[in-house]
């Protein structure tokens, strides 16, 4: 994903998020969002096919305090600064897994760790682990009453067990 400034004019081949913040850029370029894209989005040949309806609109964004947001924004700026150090390289050049510059790789790794910590304290072992956690968050977002019903059912079952044990 790119970070463009005026007077750049995007073609109709791009998705654009007007007035995006650097925090938005950080989350959208994180390993969490890319893992979500890989599992939810489609493919065109071997490339990911990004869909606003299927990928962006369903992605469970993390909650962040102002201090956490500031940290994430600083790490996103480090990614942009690392990219800027190679002005003649395209994004395809920069993100080639065999030739990716070490400073850009380190900047992304730091950003990914920080974004992952917004979701949970324990690190994710794999992208599958990350996506399973994101699906849990998504499910809670689209069906909040199920969580409340399950918690109520557990309370009722505990109370019934206590009543039966105490009789």
Protein backbone atom coordinates (compact mmCIF):
# COMPACT_ATOMS: atom_id res chain seq x y z
CA UNK A 1 0.00 0.00 0.00
CA UNK A 2 1.22 3.40 -0.87
CA UNK A 3 1.07 6.72 0.93
CA UNK A 4 0.41 9.42 -1.64
CA UNK A 5 0.32 13.18 -1.42
CA UNK A 6 -1.17 15.81 -3.72
CA UNK A 7 -0.81 16.50 -6.57
CA UNK A 8 -0.85 12.73 -7.16
CA UNK A 9 -4.02 11.63 -8.94
CA UNK A 10 -5.00 7.99 -8.43
CA UNK A 11 -6.24 6.01 -11.40
CA UNK A 12 -9.41 3.96 -11.34
CA UNK A 13 -7.24 0.88 -10.74
CA UNK A 14 -6.60 1.96 -7.14
CA UNK A 15 -8.61 2.02 -3.97
CA UNK A 16 -8.12 5.33 -2.21
CA UNK A 17 -8.87 6.24 1.37
CA UNK A 18 -9.25 10.03 1.37
CA UNK A 19 -8.00 11.79 4.49
CA UNK A 20 -6.38 8.62 5.78
CA UNK A 21 -4.21 9.05 8.83
CA UNK A 22 -0.79 7.54 9.31
CA UNK A 23 -2.46 5.27 11.89
CA UNK A 24 -4.76 3.97 9.12
CA UNK A 25 -1.70 3.36 6.95
CA UNK A 26 -0.01 1.52 9.81
CA UNK A 27 -2.91 -0.86 10.41
CA UNK A 28 -3.51 -1.48 6.70
CA UNK A 29 0.15 -2.33 6.08
CA UNK A 30 0.47 -4.49 9.19
CA UNK A 31 0.93 -8.26 9.15
CA UNK A 32 -2.49 -8.57 10.79
CA UNK A 33 -4.28 -6.85 7.92
CA UNK A 34 -2.19 -8.61 5.29
CA UNK A 35 -2.99 -12.00 6.88
CA UNK A 36 -6.69 -11.04 6.85
CA UNK A 37 -6.38 -10.10 3.16
CA UNK A 38 -4.66 -13.40 2.35
CA UNK A 39 -7.46 -15.41 3.98
CA UNK A 40 -10.51 -13.28 3.13
CA UNK A 41 -9.64 -11.63 -0.17
CA UNK A 42 -9.47 -13.22 -3.54
CA UNK A 43 -6.61 -13.65 -5.97
CA UNK A 44 -6.00 -12.58 -9.50
CA UNK A 45 -3.36 -14.93 -10.88
CA UNK A 46 -0.89 -15.07 -7.97
CA UNK A 47 -1.62 -11.55 -6.69
CA UNK A 48 -4.01 -10.60 -3.93
CA UNK A 49 -7.29 -9.08 -5.03
CA UNK A 50 -8.31 -6.44 -2.50
CA UNK A 51 -12.02 -5.90 -1.97
CA UNK A 52 -13.46 -3.08 0.07
CA UNK A 53 -16.59 -5.12 0.84
CA UNK A 54 -14.88 -8.39 1.72
CA UNK A 55 -11.55 -7.28 3.16
CA UNK A 56 -11.64 -3.68 4.37
CA UNK A 57 -15.20 -3.54 5.68
CA UNK A 58 -14.89 -6.84 7.57
CA UNK A 59 -11.46 -6.25 9.10
CA UNK A 60 -11.73 -5.96 12.92
CA UNK A 61 -9.66 -2.87 13.71
CA UNK A 62 -7.85 -2.93 17.04
CA UNK A 63 -8.70 -0.68 19.96
CA UNK A 64 -5.88 1.68 20.87
CA UNK A 65 -5.26 4.29 23.51
CA UNK A 66 -3.87 7.67 22.41
CA UNK A 67 -0.40 6.58 23.61
CA UNK A 68 -0.63 3.32 21.64
CA UNK A 69 -1.79 5.20 18.55
CA UNK A 70 1.16 7.59 18.85
CA UNK A 71 3.58 4.66 19.06
CA UNK A 72 1.99 2.96 16.05
CA UNK A 73 2.14 6.22 14.08
CA UNK A 74 5.84 6.59 14.85
CA UNK A 75 6.51 3.05 13.68
CA UNK A 76 4.51 3.67 10.49
CA UNK A 77 6.59 6.77 9.86
CA UNK A 78 9.70 4.61 10.21
CA UNK A 79 8.33 2.38 7.42
CA UNK A 80 7.73 5.42 5.22
CA UNK A 81 11.19 6.78 6.03
CA UNK A 82 12.78 3.44 5.11
CA UNK A 83 10.88 3.45 1.81
CA UNK A 84 11.98 7.03 1.13
CA UNK A 85 15.62 6.00 1.46
CA UNK A 86 15.21 4.20 -1.90
CA UNK A 87 13.61 6.86 -4.15
CA UNK A 88 14.33 5.03 -7.40
CA UNK A 89 12.77 1.74 -6.21
CA UNK A 90 9.14 0.84 -6.80
CA UNK A 91 7.03 -0.84 -4.12
CA UNK A 92 7.46 -4.07 -6.10
CA UNK A 93 11.23 -3.66 -5.85
CA UNK A 94 11.15 -2.75 -2.16
CA UNK A 95 8.91 -5.68 -1.21
CA UNK A 96 10.62 -8.38 -3.24
CA UNK A 97 11.24 -11.00 -0.51
CA UNK A 98 14.71 -11.76 -1.85
CA UNK A 99 15.94 -8.17 -2.06
CA UNK A 100 13.89 -6.24 0.52
CA UNK A 101 16.18 -3.72 2.23
CA UNK A 102 17.06 -4.72 5.79
CA UNK A 103 16.00 -1.38 7.28
CA UNK A 104 12.55 -1.67 5.68
CA UNK A 105 12.22 -5.26 6.90
CA UNK A 106 13.13 -4.17 10.47
CA UNK A 107 10.68 -1.24 10.34
CA UNK A 108 7.85 -3.55 9.29
CA UNK A 109 8.76 -6.14 11.94
CA UNK A 110 8.59 -3.49 14.68
CA UNK A 111 5.27 -2.18 13.35
CA UNK A 112 3.85 -5.71 13.12
CA UNK A 113 4.81 -6.51 16.72
CA UNK A 114 3.20 -3.31 17.98
CA UNK A 115 -0.02 -3.84 16.01
CA UNK A 116 -0.23 -7.47 17.15
CA UNK A 117 0.04 -6.25 20.78
CA UNK A 118 -3.04 -4.09 20.20
CA UNK A 119 -4.95 -7.34 19.69
CA UNK A 120 -3.38 -9.37 22.50
CA UNK A 121 -0.30 -9.47 24.72
CA UNK A 122 0.92 -12.91 23.62
CA UNK A 123 2.65 -12.95 20.24
CA UNK A 124 1.01 -14.79 17.36
CA UNK A 125 2.86 -17.92 16.28
CA UNK A 126 1.57 -17.97 12.69
CA UNK A 127 -0.67 -16.05 10.33
CA UNK A 128 -3.27 -18.76 10.86
CA UNK A 129 -3.18 -18.06 14.61
CA UNK A 130 -3.46 -14.34 13.86
CA UNK A 131 -6.44 -14.81 11.52
CA UNK A 132 -8.23 -17.15 13.94
CA UNK A 133 -7.96 -14.43 16.58
CA UNK A 134 -9.22 -11.83 14.09
CA UNK A 135 -12.19 -14.07 13.21
CA UNK A 136 -13.06 -14.21 16.91
CA UNK A 137 -12.97 -10.42 17.03
CA UNK A 138 -15.04 -10.22 13.86
CA UNK A 139 -17.63 -12.61 15.26
CA UNK A 140 -17.94 -10.53 18.42
CA UNK A 141 -18.44 -7.41 16.31
CA UNK A 142 -21.16 -8.85 14.09
CA UNK A 143 -22.96 -10.83 16.77
CA UNK A 144 -22.49 -9.07 20.12
CA UNK A 145 -25.68 -10.56 21.59
CA UNK A 146 -24.33 -14.09 21.23
CA UNK A 147 -21.46 -13.23 23.57
CA UNK A 148 -23.84 -11.71 26.08
CA UNK A 149 -26.17 -14.73 25.81
CA UNK A 150 -23.29 -17.16 26.31
CA UNK A 151 -22.10 -15.25 29.40
CA UNK A 152 -25.64 -15.22 30.80
CA UNK A 153 -26.00 -18.98 30.14
CA UNK A 154 -22.75 -19.64 32.02
CA UNK A 155 -23.96 -17.57 34.99
CA UNK A 156 -27.29 -19.42 35.04
CA UNK A 157 -25.53 -22.80 34.83
CA UNK A 158 -23.14 -21.85 37.68
CA UNK A 159 -26.03 -20.64 39.81
CA UNK A 160 -27.97 -23.85 39.11
CA UNK A 161 -24.90 -25.89 40.05
CA UNK A 162 -24.47 -23.95 43.28
CA UNK A 163 -28.15 -24.35 44.15
CA UNK A 164 -28.02 -28.10 43.49
CA UNK A 165 -24.81 -28.51 45.46
CA UNK A 166 -26.09 -26.51 48.40
CA UNK A 167 -29.39 -28.39 48.72
